[in-house]
């Protein structure tokens, strides 16, 4: 409904203004959901890119890296696709530390946020069931250990194994990349 003011200008009613605000809020919410979907979809690409940058830092330059990579691939070349995930090192690494929560959990445990309640409070978006599942998978893959203290109430602490500590340079590279490229 359009109302004419005393000066002859057109004005919207209060109801129409509120409807416009609601439509704008819905559009903004849909935009946020779209951005989150893109972020989750591209998280794997970002992790692979950061691992790539980490290896460039270790070797020195891109040319040395590509020469070293070609030499390794010549020595390990196979004429068929790997039959299992264990045959492909990138897929195996992503199976172990891939996903939305595992790198975050490893990094939090490394920073002494090592109890279930502390992890649950520190990572607001994760459900307790998902946290339990991810911790069990990391424990099964021997990335973390679980120590149960015989107290009442029982206390459980998680810590990184040597295998888990070997992931720290990669996670520190991810942290550095996130700090430098945060929008």
C-alpha atoms as a PDB file:
ATOM      1  CA  UNK A   1       0.000   0.000   0.000  1.00  0.00           C
ATOM      2  CA  UNK A   2       1.415   3.379  -1.026  1.00  0.00           C
ATOM      3  CA  UNK A   3       0.540   6.454   0.992  1.00  0.00           C
ATOM      4  CA  UNK A   4       0.790  10.024  -0.277  1.00  0.00           C
ATOM      5  CA  UNK A   5       2.200  12.489   2.220  1.00  0.00           C
ATOM      6  CA  UNK A   6       1.176  16.096   2.572  1.00  0.00           C
ATOM      7  CA  UNK A   7       3.993  17.100   0.216  1.00  0.00           C
ATOM      8  CA  UNK A   8       2.799  14.707  -2.472  1.00  0.00           C
ATOM      9  CA  UNK A   9       5.713  12.249  -2.032  1.00  0.00           C
ATOM     10  CA  UNK A  10       5.119   8.528  -2.013  1.00  0.00           C
ATOM     11  CA  UNK A  11       5.941   6.699   1.226  1.00  0.00           C
ATOM     12  CA  UNK A  12       5.767   3.059   2.322  1.00  0.00           C
ATOM     13  CA  UNK A  13       3.734   1.976   5.309  1.00  0.00           C
ATOM     14  CA  UNK A  14       5.457   0.622   8.407  1.00  0.00           C
ATOM     15  CA  UNK A  15       4.344  -2.910   7.492  1.00  0.00           C
ATOM     16  CA  UNK A  16       5.933  -2.680   4.037  1.00  0.00           C
ATOM     17  CA  UNK A  17       9.188  -1.354   5.522  1.00  0.00           C
ATOM     18  CA  UNK A  18       9.304  -4.303   7.946  1.00  0.00           C
ATOM     19  CA  UNK A  19       8.612  -6.720   5.075  1.00  0.00           C
ATOM     20  CA  UNK A  20      11.511  -5.190   3.120  1.00  0.00           C
ATOM     21  CA  UNK A  21      13.789  -5.609   6.139  1.00  0.00           C
ATOM     22  CA  UNK A  22      12.722  -9.263   6.533  1.00  0.00           C
ATOM     23  CA  UNK A  23      13.412  -9.920   2.830  1.00  0.00           C
ATOM     24  CA  UNK A  24      16.847  -8.315   3.151  1.00  0.00           C
ATOM     25  CA  UNK A  25      17.614 -10.441   6.252  1.00  0.00           C
ATOM     26  CA  UNK A  26      16.571 -13.616   4.414  1.00  0.00           C
ATOM     27  CA  UNK A  27      18.784 -12.718   1.438  1.00  0.00           C
ATOM     28  CA  UNK A  28      21.706 -12.054   3.798  1.00  0.00           C
ATOM     29  CA  UNK A  29      21.136 -15.392   5.572  1.00  0.00           C
ATOM     30  CA  UNK A  30      21.029 -17.255   2.230  1.00  0.00           C
ATOM     31  CA  UNK A  31      24.267 -15.533   1.211  1.00  0.00           C
ATOM     32  CA  UNK A  32      25.923 -16.653   4.464  1.00  0.00           C
ATOM     33  CA  UNK A  33      24.764 -20.258   3.911  1.00  0.00           C
ATOM     34  CA  UNK A  34      26.098 -20.147   0.333  1.00  0.00           C
ATOM     35  CA  UNK A  35      29.493 -18.865   1.541  1.00  0.00           C
ATOM     36  CA  UNK A  36      29.725 -21.614   4.185  1.00  0.00           C
ATOM     37  CA  UNK A  37      28.902 -24.269   1.555  1.00  0.00           C
ATOM     38  CA  UNK A  38      31.646 -22.934  -0.703  1.00  0.00           C
ATOM     39  CA  UNK A  39      34.094 -22.892   2.229  1.00  0.00           C
ATOM     40  CA  UNK A  40      33.387 -26.492   3.242  1.00  0.00           C
ATOM     41  CA  UNK A  41      33.516 -27.603  -0.408  1.00  0.00           C
ATOM     42  CA  UNK A  42      36.911 -25.984  -0.945  1.00  0.00           C
ATOM     43  CA  UNK A  43      38.438 -26.952   2.427  1.00  0.00           C
ATOM     44  CA  UNK A  44      40.086 -30.036   0.912  1.00  0.00           C
ATOM     45  CA  UNK A  45      41.639 -27.909  -1.847  1.00  0.00           C
ATOM     46  CA  UNK A  46      42.961 -25.450   0.748  1.00  0.00           C
ATOM     47  CA  UNK A  47      44.520 -28.242   2.817  1.00  0.00           C
ATOM     48  CA  UNK A  48      46.219 -29.740  -0.250  1.00  0.00           C
ATOM     49  CA  UNK A  49      47.437 -26.268  -1.268  1.00  0.00           C
ATOM     50  CA  UNK A  50      48.882 -25.640   2.202  1.00  0.00           C
ATOM     51  CA  UNK A  51      50.619 -29.017   2.209  1.00  0.00           C
ATOM     52  CA  UNK A  52      52.050 -28.089  -1.209  1.00  0.00           C
ATOM     53  CA  UNK A  53      53.317 -24.738   0.170  1.00  0.00           C
ATOM     54  CA  UNK A  54      54.839 -26.532   3.148  1.00  0.00           C
ATOM     55  CA  UNK A  55      56.832 -28.821   0.853  1.00  0.00           C
ATOM     56  CA  UNK A  56      57.981 -25.868  -1.249  1.00  0.00           C
ATOM     57  CA  UNK A  57      59.324 -24.280   1.966  1.00  0.00           C
ATOM     58  CA  UNK A  58      61.126 -27.519   2.815  1.00  0.00           C
ATOM     59  CA  UNK A  59      62.713 -27.929  -0.633  1.00  0.00           C
ATOM     60  CA  UNK A  60      63.376 -24.274  -1.434  1.00  0.00           C
ATOM     61  CA  UNK A  61      61.970 -23.403  -4.845  1.00  0.00           C
ATOM     62  CA  UNK A  62      59.265 -24.613  -7.162  1.00  0.00           C
ATOM     63  CA  UNK A  63      61.790 -25.852  -9.729  1.00  0.00           C
ATOM     64  CA  UNK A  64      63.570 -27.993  -7.125  1.00  0.00           C
ATOM     65  CA  UNK A  65      60.227 -29.293  -5.907  1.00  0.00           C
ATOM     66  CA  UNK A  66      59.018 -30.215  -9.371  1.00  0.00           C
ATOM     67  CA  UNK A  67      62.382 -31.878 -10.188  1.00  0.00           C
ATOM     68  CA  UNK A  68      62.281 -33.784  -6.895  1.00  0.00           C
ATOM     69  CA  UNK A  69      58.640 -34.737  -7.545  1.00  0.00           C
ATOM     70  CA  UNK A  70      59.421 -35.944 -11.086  1.00  0.00           C
ATOM     71  CA  UNK A  71      62.347 -38.014  -9.766  1.00  0.00           C
ATOM     72  CA  UNK A  72      60.177 -39.607  -7.095  1.00  0.00           C
ATOM     73  CA  UNK A  73      57.388 -40.288  -9.582  1.00  0.00           C
ATOM     74  CA  UNK A  74      59.804 -41.900 -12.062  1.00  0.00           C
ATOM     75  CA  UNK A  75      61.015 -44.223  -9.321  1.00  0.00           C
ATOM     76  CA  UNK A  76      57.515 -45.024  -8.068  1.00  0.00           C
ATOM     77  CA  UNK A  77      55.572 -44.861 -11.345  1.00  0.00           C
ATOM     78  CA  UNK A  78      52.785 -47.335 -11.801  1.00  0.00           C
ATOM     79  CA  UNK A  79      50.671 -47.898 -14.888  1.00  0.00           C
ATOM     80  CA  UNK A  80      47.388 -48.308 -13.040  1.00  0.00           C
ATOM     81  CA  UNK A  81      45.313 -46.454 -10.486  1.00  0.00           C
ATOM     82  CA  UNK A  82      45.925 -47.516  -6.875  1.00  0.00           C
ATOM     83  CA  UNK A  83      43.617 -50.338  -5.891  1.00  0.00           C
ATOM     84  CA  UNK A  84      43.183 -49.194  -2.287  1.00  0.00           C
ATOM     85  CA  UNK A  85      43.422 -45.947  -0.384  1.00  0.00           C
ATOM     86  CA  UNK A  86      46.622 -47.162   1.297  1.00  0.00           C
ATOM     87  CA  UNK A  87      48.293 -47.189  -2.145  1.00  0.00           C
ATOM     88  CA  UNK A  88      47.665 -43.436  -2.651  1.00  0.00           C
ATOM     89  CA  UNK A  89      49.474 -41.322  -0.045  1.00  0.00           C
ATOM     90  CA  UNK A  90      47.308 -38.195  -0.456  1.00  0.00           C
ATOM     91  CA  UNK A  91      44.058 -40.120  -0.133  1.00  0.00           C
ATOM     92  CA  UNK A  92      45.429 -41.982   2.862  1.00  0.00           C
ATOM     93  CA  UNK A  93      46.508 -38.727   4.550  1.00  0.00           C
ATOM     94  CA  UNK A  94      43.106 -37.162   3.887  1.00  0.00           C
ATOM     95  CA  UNK A  95      41.377 -40.249   5.265  1.00  0.00           C
ATOM     96  CA  UNK A  96      43.340 -39.848   8.494  1.00  0.00           C
ATOM     97  CA  UNK A  97      43.189 -36.062   9.001  1.00  0.00           C
ATOM     98  CA  UNK A  98      40.556 -34.962   6.483  1.00  0.00           C
ATOM     99  CA  UNK A  99      37.170 -33.615   7.339  1.00  0.00           C
ATOM    100  CA  UNK A 100      35.855 -30.559   9.084  1.00  0.00           C
ATOM    101  CA  UNK A 101      36.813 -31.343  12.681  1.00  0.00           C
ATOM    102  CA  UNK A 102      39.940 -33.526  12.815  1.00  0.00           C
ATOM    103  CA  UNK A 103      42.536 -30.813  12.072  1.00  0.00           C
ATOM    104  CA  UNK A 104      40.819 -28.504  14.560  1.00  0.00           C
ATOM    105  CA  UNK A 105      40.778 -31.228  17.229  1.00  0.00           C
ATOM    106  CA  UNK A 106      44.447 -32.085  16.678  1.00  0.00           C
ATOM    107  CA  UNK A 107      45.406 -28.405  16.922  1.00  0.00           C
ATOM    108  CA  UNK A 108      43.309 -27.890  20.097  1.00  0.00           C
ATOM    109  CA  UNK A 109      44.780 -30.996  21.781  1.00  0.00           C
ATOM    110  CA  UNK A 110      48.264 -29.732  20.882  1.00  0.00           C
ATOM    111  CA  UNK A 111      47.392 -26.423  22.616  1.00  0.00           C
ATOM    112  CA  UNK A 112      46.427 -28.237  25.881  1.00  0.00           C
ATOM    113  CA  UNK A 113      42.679 -28.153  25.316  1.00  0.00           C
ATOM    114  CA  UNK A 114      42.741 -31.869  25.961  1.00  0.00           C
ATOM    115  CA  UNK A 115      39.614 -32.863  27.874  1.00  0.00           C
ATOM    116  CA  UNK A 116      36.248 -33.703  26.360  1.00  0.00           C
ATOM    117  CA  UNK A 117      34.392 -30.880  28.121  1.00  0.00           C
ATOM    118  CA  UNK A 118      37.066 -28.336  27.228  1.00  0.00           C
ATOM    119  CA  UNK A 119      36.983 -29.413  23.576  1.00  0.00           C
ATOM    120  CA  UNK A 120      33.185 -29.321  23.515  1.00  0.00           C
ATOM    121  CA  UNK A 121      33.101 -25.809  25.017  1.00  0.00           C
ATOM    122  CA  UNK A 122      35.942 -24.541  22.831  1.00  0.00           C
ATOM    123  CA  UNK A 123      34.410 -25.719  19.531  1.00  0.00           C
ATOM    124  CA  UNK A 124      30.853 -24.411  19.717  1.00  0.00           C
ATOM    125  CA  UNK A 125      29.566 -25.811  16.421  1.00  0.00           C
ATOM    126  CA  UNK A 126      30.424 -29.488  17.031  1.00  0.00           C
ATOM    127  CA  UNK A 127      27.866 -31.808  18.602  1.00  0.00           C
ATOM    128  CA  UNK A 128      28.868 -34.158  21.400  1.00  0.00           C
ATOM    129  CA  UNK A 129      28.178 -37.211  19.212  1.00  0.00           C
ATOM    130  CA  UNK A 130      30.381 -35.894  16.400  1.00  0.00           C
ATOM    131  CA  UNK A 131      33.119 -34.953  18.874  1.00  0.00           C
ATOM    132  CA  UNK A 132      33.059 -38.476  20.323  1.00  0.00           C
ATOM    133  CA  UNK A 133      33.130 -40.033  16.850  1.00  0.00           C
ATOM    134  CA  UNK A 134      36.042 -37.878  15.659  1.00  0.00           C
ATOM    135  CA  UNK A 135      38.076 -38.493  18.833  1.00  0.00           C
ATOM    136  CA  UNK A 136      37.536 -42.257  18.508  1.00  0.00           C
ATOM    137  CA  UNK A 137      38.649 -42.189  14.859  1.00  0.00           C
ATOM    138  CA  UNK A 138      41.787 -40.223  15.747  1.00  0.00           C
ATOM    139  CA  UNK A 139      42.493 -42.681  18.557  1.00  0.00           C
ATOM    140  CA  UNK A 140      41.935 -45.660  16.245  1.00  0.00           C
ATOM    141  CA  UNK A 141      44.361 -44.135  13.709  1.00  0.00           C
ATOM    142  CA  UNK A 142      46.925 -43.659  16.513  1.00  0.00           C
ATOM    143  CA  UNK A 143      47.014 -39.854  16.155  1.00  0.00           C
ATOM    144  CA  UNK A 144      45.952 -39.282  19.770  1.00  0.00           C
ATOM    145  CA  UNK A 145      45.967 -41.341  22.951  1.00  0.00           C
ATOM    146  CA  UNK A 146      43.283 -41.399  25.604  1.00  0.00           C
ATOM    147  CA  UNK A 147      44.274 -41.563  29.253  1.00  0.00           C
ATOM    148  CA  UNK A 148      41.620 -42.384  31.850  1.00  0.00           C
ATOM    149  CA  UNK A 149      42.344 -41.309  35.419  1.00  0.00           C
ATOM    150  CA  UNK A 150      40.837 -43.519  38.163  1.00  0.00           C
ATOM    151  CA  UNK A 151      39.021 -40.707  39.955  1.00  0.00           C
ATOM    152  CA  UNK A 152      35.461 -39.950  40.870  1.00  0.00           C
ATOM    153  CA  UNK A 153      34.124 -38.468  38.654  1.00  0.00           C
ATOM    154  CA  UNK A 154      36.315 -40.105  35.997  1.00  0.00           C
ATOM    155  CA  UNK A 155      38.672 -37.803  34.130  1.00  0.00           C
ATOM    156  CA  UNK A 156      39.829 -38.437  30.561  1.00  0.00           C
ATOM    157  CA  UNK A 157      42.635 -36.539  28.835  1.00  0.00           C
ATOM    158  CA  UNK A 158      43.768 -36.745  25.234  1.00  0.00           C
ATOM    159  CA  UNK A 159      47.319 -36.224  24.011  1.00  0.00           C
ATOM    160  CA  UNK A 160      49.124 -36.444  20.696  1.00  0.00           C
ATOM    161  CA  UNK A 161      51.190 -39.496  19.864  1.00  0.00           C
ATOM    162  CA  UNK A 162      54.483 -39.234  17.990  1.00  0.00           C
ATOM    163  CA  UNK A 163      52.524 -39.934  14.842  1.00  0.00           C
ATOM    164  CA  UNK A 164      50.152 -37.091  15.721  1.00  0.00           C
ATOM    165  CA  UNK A 165      53.044 -34.744  16.459  1.00  0.00           C
ATOM    166  CA  UNK A 166      54.385 -35.425  12.965  1.00  0.00           C
ATOM    167  CA  UNK A 167      51.290 -33.580  11.651  1.00  0.00           C
ATOM    168  CA  UNK A 168      52.119 -30.370  13.539  1.00  0.00           C
ATOM    169  CA  UNK A 169      54.241 -28.742  10.797  1.00  0.00           C
ATOM    170  CA  UNK A 170      51.343 -29.167   8.370  1.00  0.00           C
ATOM    171  CA  UNK A 171      48.833 -27.766  10.875  1.00  0.00           C
ATOM    172  CA  UNK A 172      51.152 -24.843  11.668  1.00  0.00           C
ATOM    173  CA  UNK A 173      51.335 -24.103   7.918  1.00  0.00           C
ATOM    174  CA  UNK A 174      47.531 -24.181   7.773  1.00  0.00           C
ATOM    175  CA  UNK A 175      47.399 -21.836  10.777  1.00  0.00           C
ATOM    176  CA  UNK A 176      49.902 -19.466   9.148  1.00  0.00           C
ATOM    177  CA  UNK A 177      47.975 -19.514   5.873  1.00  0.00           C
ATOM    178  CA  UNK A 178      44.695 -18.826   7.706  1.00  0.00           C
ATOM    179  CA  UNK A 179      46.265 -15.907   9.569  1.00  0.00           C
ATOM    180  CA  UNK A 180      47.734 -14.374   6.403  1.00  0.00           C
ATOM    181  CA  UNK A 181      44.669 -14.846   4.192  1.00  0.00           C
ATOM    182  CA  UNK A 182      41.833 -14.207   6.637  1.00  0.00           C
ATOM    183  CA  UNK A 183      39.195 -12.032   4.996  1.00  0.00           C
END
